[in-house]
Amino acid sequence: TYGYDSQGRLTRVEPQKTGEPSVASNYSYDKAGNILAVGNAVTNYVYNDASQLVSSNGTTTGWSYDKAGNETAAAP
């Protein structure tokens, strides 16, 4: 089952498997439409003013961008 907000962004995913407990993942977004958090355990994302990802769960090393804004390196 999928849930969407008024802007058509994915907000909830709940797998449907017969005979198994269902674990849902929730998604939240900032005003620019960037994903801020995913899941019940919550993965948090932080973006700079150019909407480029700079941190995931407090890890800030590993992301870099060129002058055109293209990602040139990503954290593992």
PDB file of N, CA and C in Angstrom:
ATOM      1  N   THR A   1       0.850  -1.171   0.000  1.00  0.00           N
ATOM      2  CA  THR A   1       0.000   0.000   0.000  1.00  0.00           C
ATOM      3  C   THR A   1       0.897   1.236   0.000  1.00  0.00           C
ATOM      4  N   TYR A   2       0.532   2.226  -0.776  1.00  0.00           N
ATOM      5  CA  TYR A   2       1.307   3.451  -0.883  1.00  0.00           C
ATOM      6  C   TYR A   2       0.444   4.636  -0.474  1.00  0.00           C
ATOM      7  N   GLY A   3       1.055   5.623   0.191  1.00  0.00           N
ATOM      8  CA  GLY A   3       0.370   6.855   0.548  1.00  0.00           C
ATOM      9  C   GLY A   3       1.112   8.034  -0.054  1.00  0.00           C
ATOM     10  N   TYR A   4       0.369   9.070  -0.436  1.00  0.00           N
ATOM     11  CA  TYR A   4       0.948  10.249  -1.069  1.00  0.00           C
ATOM     12  C   TYR A   4       0.381  11.506  -0.423  1.00  0.00           C
ATOM     13  N   ASP A   5       1.170  12.585  -0.421  1.00  0.00           N
ATOM     14  CA  ASP A   5       0.664  13.851   0.093  1.00  0.00           C
ATOM     15  C   ASP A   5      -0.044  14.613  -1.030  1.00  0.00           C
ATOM     16  N   SER A   6      -0.497  15.827  -0.724  1.00  0.00           N
ATOM     17  CA  SER A   6      -1.265  16.614  -1.699  1.00  0.00           C
ATOM     18  C   SER A   6      -0.429  17.032  -2.906  1.00  0.00           C
ATOM     19  N   GLN A   7       0.903  16.943  -2.807  1.00  0.00           N
ATOM     20  CA  GLN A   7       1.776  17.291  -3.925  1.00  0.00           C
ATOM     21  C   GLN A   7       2.242  16.052  -4.689  1.00  0.00           C
ATOM     22  N   GLY A   8       1.660  14.898  -4.362  1.00  0.00           N
ATOM     23  CA  GLY A   8       1.980  13.669  -5.076  1.00  0.00           C
ATOM     24  C   GLY A   8       3.260  12.989  -4.642  1.00  0.00           C
ATOM     25  N   ARG A   9       3.823  13.423  -3.507  1.00  0.00           N
ATOM     26  CA  ARG A   9       5.056  12.812  -3.020  1.00  0.00           C
ATOM     27  C   ARG A   9       4.737  11.599  -2.156  1.00  0.00           C
ATOM     28  N   LEU A  10       5.550  10.582  -2.286  1.00  0.00           N
ATOM     29  CA  LEU A  10       5.383   9.365  -1.500  1.00  0.00           C
ATOM     30  C   LEU A  10       5.559   9.671  -0.019  1.00  0.00           C
ATOM     31  N   THR A  11       4.592   9.277   0.811  1.00  0.00           N
ATOM     32  CA  THR A  11       4.678   9.513   2.250  1.00  0.00           C
ATOM     33  C   THR A  11       4.659   8.236   3.071  1.00  0.00           C
ATOM     34  N   ARG A  12       4.214   7.134   2.484  1.00  0.00           N
ATOM     35  CA  ARG A  12       4.110   5.892   3.248  1.00  0.00           C
ATOM     36  C   ARG A  12       4.152   4.696   2.306  1.00  0.00           C
ATOM     37  N   VAL A  13       4.923   3.680   2.714  1.00  0.00           N
ATOM     38  CA  VAL A  13       4.968   2.407   2.005  1.00  0.00           C
ATOM     39  C   VAL A  13       4.712   1.323   3.035  1.00  0.00           C
ATOM     40  N   GLU A  14       3.708   0.519   2.780  1.00  0.00           N
ATOM     41  CA  GLU A  14       3.373  -0.577   3.686  1.00  0.00           C
ATOM     42  C   GLU A  14       3.228  -1.854   2.868  1.00  0.00           C
ATOM     43  N   PRO A  15       4.260  -2.719   2.915  1.00  0.00           N
ATOM     44  CA  PRO A  15       4.188  -3.973   2.156  1.00  0.00           C
ATOM     45  C   PRO A  15       3.042  -4.846   2.643  1.00  0.00           C
ATOM     46  N   GLN A  16       2.403  -5.528   1.728  1.00  0.00           N
ATOM     47  CA  GLN A  16       1.292  -6.419   2.064  1.00  0.00           C
ATOM     48  C   GLN A  16       1.704  -7.853   1.760  1.00  0.00           C
ATOM     49  N   LYS A  17       2.098  -8.587   2.802  1.00  0.00           N
ATOM     50  CA  LYS A  17       2.462  -9.989   2.637  1.00  0.00           C
ATOM     51  C   LYS A  17       1.535 -10.821   3.506  1.00  0.00           C
ATOM     52  N   THR A  18       0.888 -11.766   2.908  1.00  0.00           N
ATOM     53  CA  THR A  18      -0.063 -12.612   3.611  1.00  0.00           C
ATOM     54  C   THR A  18       0.635 -13.394   4.713  1.00  0.00           C
ATOM     55  N   GLY A  19       0.071 -13.329   5.917  1.00  0.00           N
ATOM     56  CA  GLY A  19       0.577 -14.096   7.039  1.00  0.00           C
ATOM     57  C   GLY A  19       1.797 -13.523   7.725  1.00  0.00           C
ATOM     58  N   GLU A  20       2.273 -12.359   7.298  1.00  0.00           N
ATOM     59  CA  GLU A  20       3.437 -11.741   7.930  1.00  0.00           C
ATOM     60  C   GLU A  20       3.051 -10.370   8.469  1.00  0.00           C
ATOM     61  N   PRO A  21       3.680  -9.971   9.589  1.00  0.00           N
ATOM     62  CA  PRO A  21       3.398  -8.623  10.096  1.00  0.00           C
ATOM     63  C   PRO A  21       3.852  -7.568   9.087  1.00  0.00           C
ATOM     64  N   SER A  22       3.116  -6.508   9.015  1.00  0.00           N
ATOM     65  CA  SER A  22       3.415  -5.439   8.072  1.00  0.00           C
ATOM     66  C   SER A  22       4.257  -4.366   8.752  1.00  0.00           C
ATOM     67  N   VAL A  23       5.351  -3.977   8.112  1.00  0.00           N
ATOM     68  CA  VAL A  23       6.202  -2.905   8.623  1.00  0.00           C
ATOM     69  C   VAL A  23       6.146  -1.766   7.614  1.00  0.00           C
ATOM     70  N   ALA A  24       5.649  -0.629   8.049  1.00  0.00           N
ATOM     71  CA  ALA A  24       5.494   0.515   7.156  1.00  0.00           C
ATOM     72  C   ALA A  24       6.702   1.434   7.252  1.00  0.00           C
ATOM     73  N   SER A  25       7.022   2.099   6.157  1.00  0.00           N
ATOM     74  CA  SER A  25       8.041   3.136   6.126  1.00  0.00           C
ATOM     75  C   SER A  25       7.354   4.450   5.798  1.00  0.00           C
ATOM     76  N   ASN A  26       7.673   5.471   6.566  1.00  0.00           N
ATOM     77  CA  ASN A  26       7.104   6.799   6.361  1.00  0.00           C
ATOM     78  C   ASN A  26       8.176   7.728   5.806  1.00  0.00           C
ATOM     79  N   TYR A  27       7.767   8.673   4.968  1.00  0.00           N
ATOM     80  CA  TYR A  27       8.674   9.623   4.341  1.00  0.00           C
ATOM     81  C   TYR A  27       8.206  11.037   4.674  1.00  0.00           C
ATOM     82  N   SER A  28       9.162  11.926   4.989  1.00  0.00           N
ATOM     83  CA  SER A  28       8.804  13.330   5.193  1.00  0.00           C
ATOM     84  C   SER A  28       9.741  14.202   4.359  1.00  0.00           C
ATOM     85  N   TYR A  29       9.266  15.412   4.029  1.00  0.00           N
ATOM     86  CA  TYR A  29       9.961  16.289   3.094  1.00  0.00           C
ATOM     87  C   TYR A  29      10.097  17.697   3.667  1.00  0.00           C
ATOM     88  N   ASP A  30      11.128  18.434   3.199  1.00  0.00           N
ATOM     89  CA  ASP A  30      11.241  19.844   3.556  1.00  0.00           C
ATOM     90  C   ASP A  30      10.440  20.674   2.557  1.00  0.00           C
ATOM     91  N   LYS A  31      10.441  21.997   2.726  1.00  0.00           N
ATOM     92  CA  LYS A  31       9.648  22.867   1.855  1.00  0.00           C
ATOM     93  C   LYS A  31      10.119  22.845   0.406  1.00  0.00           C
ATOM     94  N   ALA A  32      11.398  22.485   0.184  1.00  0.00           N
ATOM     95  CA  ALA A  32      11.936  22.416  -1.174  1.00  0.00           C
ATOM     96  C   ALA A  32      11.650  21.074  -1.840  1.00  0.00           C
ATOM     97  N   GLY A  33      11.033  20.145  -1.094  1.00  0.00           N
ATOM     98  CA  GLY A  33      10.706  18.837  -1.646  1.00  0.00           C
ATOM     99  C   GLY A  33      11.774  17.786  -1.443  1.00  0.00           C
ATOM    100  N   ASN A  34      12.821  18.110  -0.680  1.00  0.00           N
ATOM    101  CA  ASN A  34      13.870  17.141  -0.384  1.00  0.00           C
ATOM    102  C   ASN A  34      13.406  16.197   0.714  1.00  0.00           C
ATOM    103  N   ILE A  35      13.775  14.933   0.626  1.00  0.00           N
ATOM    104  CA  ILE A  35      13.425  13.973   1.674  1.00  0.00           C
ATOM    105  C   ILE A  35      14.204  14.315   2.937  1.00  0.00           C
ATOM    106  N   LEU A  36      13.487  14.433   4.060  1.00  0.00           N
ATOM    107  CA  LEU A  36      14.119  14.697   5.346  1.00  0.00           C
ATOM    108  C   LEU A  36      14.296  13.436   6.166  1.00  0.00           C
ATOM    109  N   ALA A  37      13.327  12.557   6.127  1.00  0.00           N
ATOM    110  CA  ALA A  37      13.384  11.353   6.954  1.00  0.00           C
ATOM    111  C   ALA A  37      12.683  10.209   6.247  1.00  0.00           C
ATOM    112  N   VAL A  38      13.229   9.008   6.463  1.00  0.00           N
ATOM    113  CA  VAL A  38      12.653   7.798   5.882  1.00  0.00           C
ATOM    114  C   VAL A  38      12.597   6.733   6.956  1.00  0.00           C
ATOM    115  N   GLY A  39      11.443   6.100   7.070  1.00  0.00           N
ATOM    116  CA  GLY A  39      11.321   4.918   7.915  1.00  0.00           C
ATOM    117  C   GLY A  39      10.990   5.189   9.356  1.00  0.00           C
ATOM    118  N   ASN A  40      10.658   4.099  10.036  1.00  0.00           N
ATOM    119  CA  ASN A  40      10.312   4.189  11.445  1.00  0.00           C
ATOM    120  C   ASN A  40      11.553   4.340  12.312  1.00  0.00           C
ATOM    121  N   ALA A  41      12.674   3.766  11.881  1.00  0.00           N
ATOM    122  CA  ALA A  41      13.927   3.939  12.605  1.00  0.00           C
ATOM    123  C   ALA A  41      14.476   5.330  12.322  1.00  0.00           C
ATOM    124  N   VAL A  42      13.982   5.965  11.328  1.00  0.00           N
ATOM    125  CA  VAL A  42      14.261   7.321  10.861  1.00  0.00           C
ATOM    126  C   VAL A  42      15.706   7.507  10.395  1.00  0.00           C
ATOM    127  N   THR A  43      15.810   7.723   9.126  1.00  0.00           N
ATOM    128  CA  THR A  43      17.048   8.165   8.507  1.00  0.00           C
ATOM    129  C   THR A  43      16.853   9.640   8.223  1.00  0.00           C
ATOM    130  N   ASN A  44      17.692  10.479   8.813  1.00  0.00           N
ATOM    131  CA  ASN A  44      17.555  11.921   8.650  1.00  0.00           C
ATOM    132  C   ASN A  44      18.533  12.438   7.606  1.00  0.00           C
ATOM    133  N   TYR A  45      18.057  13.355   6.771  1.00  0.00           N
ATOM    134  CA  TYR A  45      18.870  13.942   5.719  1.00  0.00           C
ATOM    135  C   TYR A  45      18.935  15.455   5.917  1.00  0.00           C
ATOM    136  N   VAL A  46      20.103  16.049   5.599  1.00  0.00           N
ATOM    137  CA  VAL A  46      20.285  17.498   5.676  1.00  0.00           C
ATOM    138  C   VAL A  46      20.797  17.968   4.319  1.00  0.00           C
ATOM    139  N   TYR A  47      20.254  19.099   3.852  1.00  0.00           N
ATOM    140  CA  TYR A  47      20.610  19.662   2.552  1.00  0.00           C
ATOM    141  C   TYR A  47      21.156  21.070   2.731  1.00  0.00           C
ATOM    142  N   ASN A  48      22.019  21.513   1.804  1.00  0.00           N
ATOM    143  CA  ASN A  48      22.494  22.889   1.828  1.00  0.00           C
ATOM    144  C   ASN A  48      21.487  23.787   1.107  1.00  0.00           C
ATOM    145  N   ASP A  49      21.821  25.072   0.973  1.00  0.00           N
ATOM    146  CA  ASP A  49      20.895  26.025   0.349  1.00  0.00           C
ATOM    147  C   ASP A  49      20.621  25.721  -1.125  1.00  0.00           C
ATOM    148  N   ALA A  50      21.486  24.935  -1.757  1.00  0.00           N
ATOM    149  CA  ALA A  50      21.294  24.556  -3.159  1.00  0.00           C
ATOM    150  C   ALA A  50      20.544  23.229  -3.280  1.00  0.00           C
ATOM    151  N   SER A  51      19.947  22.765  -2.168  1.00  0.00           N
ATOM    152  CA  SER A  51      19.211  21.496  -2.109  1.00  0.00           C
ATOM    153  C   SER A  51      20.093  20.292  -2.430  1.00  0.00           C
ATOM    154  N   GLN A  52      21.370  20.387  -2.069  1.00  0.00           N
ATOM    155  CA  GLN A  52      22.299  19.276  -2.252  1.00  0.00           C
ATOM    156  C   GLN A  52      22.443  18.537  -0.925  1.00  0.00           C
ATOM    157  N   LEU A  53      22.418  17.224  -0.971  1.00  0.00           N
ATOM    158  CA  LEU A  53      22.555  16.411   0.229  1.00  0.00           C
ATOM    159  C   LEU A  53      23.935  16.615   0.834  1.00  0.00           C
ATOM    160  N   VAL A  54      23.983  16.935   2.145  1.00  0.00           N
ATOM    161  CA  VAL A  54      25.264  17.135   2.822  1.00  0.00           C
ATOM    162  C   VAL A  54      25.428  16.246   4.044  1.00  0.00           C
ATOM    163  N   SER A  55      24.343  15.639   4.531  1.00  0.00           N
ATOM    164  CA  SER A  55      24.447  14.803   5.722  1.00  0.00           C
ATOM    165  C   SER A  55      23.342  13.764   5.746  1.00  0.00           C
ATOM    166  N   SER A  56      23.692  12.574   6.199  1.00  0.00           N
ATOM    167  CA  SER A  56      22.721  11.509   6.407  1.00  0.00           C
ATOM    168  C   SER A  56      22.999  10.903   7.769  1.00  0.00           C
ATOM    169  N   ASN A  57      22.026  10.998   8.671  1.00  0.00           N
ATOM    170  CA  ASN A  57      22.179  10.505  10.046  1.00  0.00           C
ATOM    171  C   ASN A  57      23.428  11.048  10.719  1.00  0.00           C
ATOM    172  N   GLY A  58      23.717  12.315  10.464  1.00  0.00           N
ATOM    173  CA  GLY A  58      24.847  12.970  11.113  1.00  0.00           C
ATOM    174  C   GLY A  58      26.174  12.772  10.410  1.00  0.00           C
ATOM    175  N   THR A  59      26.235  11.935   9.383  1.00  0.00           N
ATOM    176  CA  THR A  59      27.473  11.725   8.637  1.00  0.00           C
ATOM    177  C   THR A  59      27.589  12.813   7.582  1.00  0.00           C
ATOM    178  N   THR A  60      28.597  13.665   7.731  1.00  0.00           N
ATOM    179  CA  THR A  60      28.736  14.789   6.804  1.00  0.00           C
ATOM    180  C   THR A  60      29.896  14.614   5.842  1.00  0.00           C
ATOM    181  N   THR A  61      30.754  13.637   6.058  1.00  0.00           N
ATOM    182  CA  THR A  61      31.878  13.453   5.148  1.00  0.00           C
ATOM    183  C   THR A  61      31.471  12.593   3.970  1.00  0.00           C
ATOM    184  N   GLY A  62      32.041  12.878   2.824  1.00  0.00           N
ATOM    185  CA  GLY A  62      31.822  12.020   1.673  1.00  0.00           C
ATOM    186  C   GLY A  62      31.017  12.622   0.540  1.00  0.00           C
ATOM    187  N   TRP A  63      30.247  13.687   0.776  1.00  0.00           N
ATOM    188  CA  TRP A  63      29.483  14.293  -0.311  1.00  0.00           C
ATOM    189  C   TRP A  63      30.234  15.503  -0.830  1.00  0.00           C
ATOM    190  N   SER A  64      30.375  15.587  -2.136  1.00  0.00           N
ATOM    191  CA  SER A  64      30.955  16.786  -2.729  1.00  0.00           C
ATOM    192  C   SER A  64      30.293  17.037  -4.079  1.00  0.00           C
ATOM    193  N   TYR A  65      30.353  18.293  -4.507  1.00  0.00           N
ATOM    194  CA  TYR A  65      29.667  18.730  -5.723  1.00  0.00           C
ATOM    195  C   TYR A  65      30.594  19.608  -6.540  1.00  0.00           C
ATOM    196  N   ASP A  66      30.447  19.583  -7.865  1.00  0.00           N
ATOM    197  CA  ASP A  66      31.228  20.470  -8.715  1.00  0.00           C
ATOM    198  C   ASP A  66      30.529  21.827  -8.813  1.00  0.00           C
ATOM    199  N   LYS A  67      31.123  22.769  -9.553  1.00  0.00           N
ATOM    200  CA  LYS A  67      30.560  24.121  -9.650  1.00  0.00           C
ATOM    201  C   LYS A  67      29.190  24.147 -10.309  1.00  0.00           C
ATOM    202  N   ALA A  68      28.881  23.136 -11.115  1.00  0.00           N
ATOM    203  CA  ALA A  68      27.572  23.056 -11.771  1.00  0.00           C
ATOM    204  C   ALA A  68      26.525  22.417 -10.870  1.00  0.00           C
ATOM    205  N   GLY A  69      26.940  21.969  -9.670  1.00  0.00           N
ATOM    206  CA  GLY A  69      26.003  21.369  -8.734  1.00  0.00           C
ATOM    207  C   GLY A  69      25.847  19.873  -8.878  1.00  0.00           C
ATOM    208  N   ASN A  70      26.667  19.263  -9.711  1.00  0.00           N
ATOM    209  CA  ASN A  70      26.609  17.811  -9.887  1.00  0.00           C
ATOM    210  C   ASN A  70      27.358  17.110  -8.759  1.00  0.00           C
ATOM    211  N   GLU A  71      26.791  16.033  -8.257  1.00  0.00           N
ATOM    212  CA  GLU A  71      27.458  15.272  -7.204  1.00  0.00           C
ATOM    213  C   GLU A  71      28.690  14.590  -7.791  1.00  0.00           C
ATOM    214  N   THR A  72      29.841  14.798  -7.149  1.00  0.00           N
ATOM    215  CA  THR A  72      31.084  14.192  -7.627  1.00  0.00           C
ATOM    216  C   THR A  72      31.561  13.081  -6.708  1.00  0.00           C
ATOM    217  N   ALA A  73      31.056  13.042  -5.484  1.00  0.00           N
ATOM    218  CA  ALA A  73      31.393  11.969  -4.543  1.00  0.00           C
ATOM    219  C   ALA A  73      30.249  11.819  -3.568  1.00  0.00           C
ATOM    220  N   ALA A  74      29.985  10.578  -3.188  1.00  0.00           N
ATOM    221  CA  ALA A  74      28.910  10.291  -2.237  1.00  0.00           C
ATOM    222  C   ALA A  74      29.466   9.484  -1.080  1.00  0.00           C
ATOM    223  N   ALA A  75      28.885   9.681   0.084  1.00  0.00           N
ATOM    224  CA  ALA A  75      29.288   8.901   1.252  1.00  0.00           C
ATOM    225  C   ALA A  75      28.828   7.465   1.062  1.00  0.00           C
ATOM    226  N   PRO A  76      29.574   6.535   1.645  1.00  0.00           N
ATOM    227  CA  PRO A  76      29.169   5.118   1.522  1.00  0.00           C
ATOM    228  C   PRO A  76      27.870   4.823   2.226  1.00  0.00           C
TER     229      PRO A  76
END
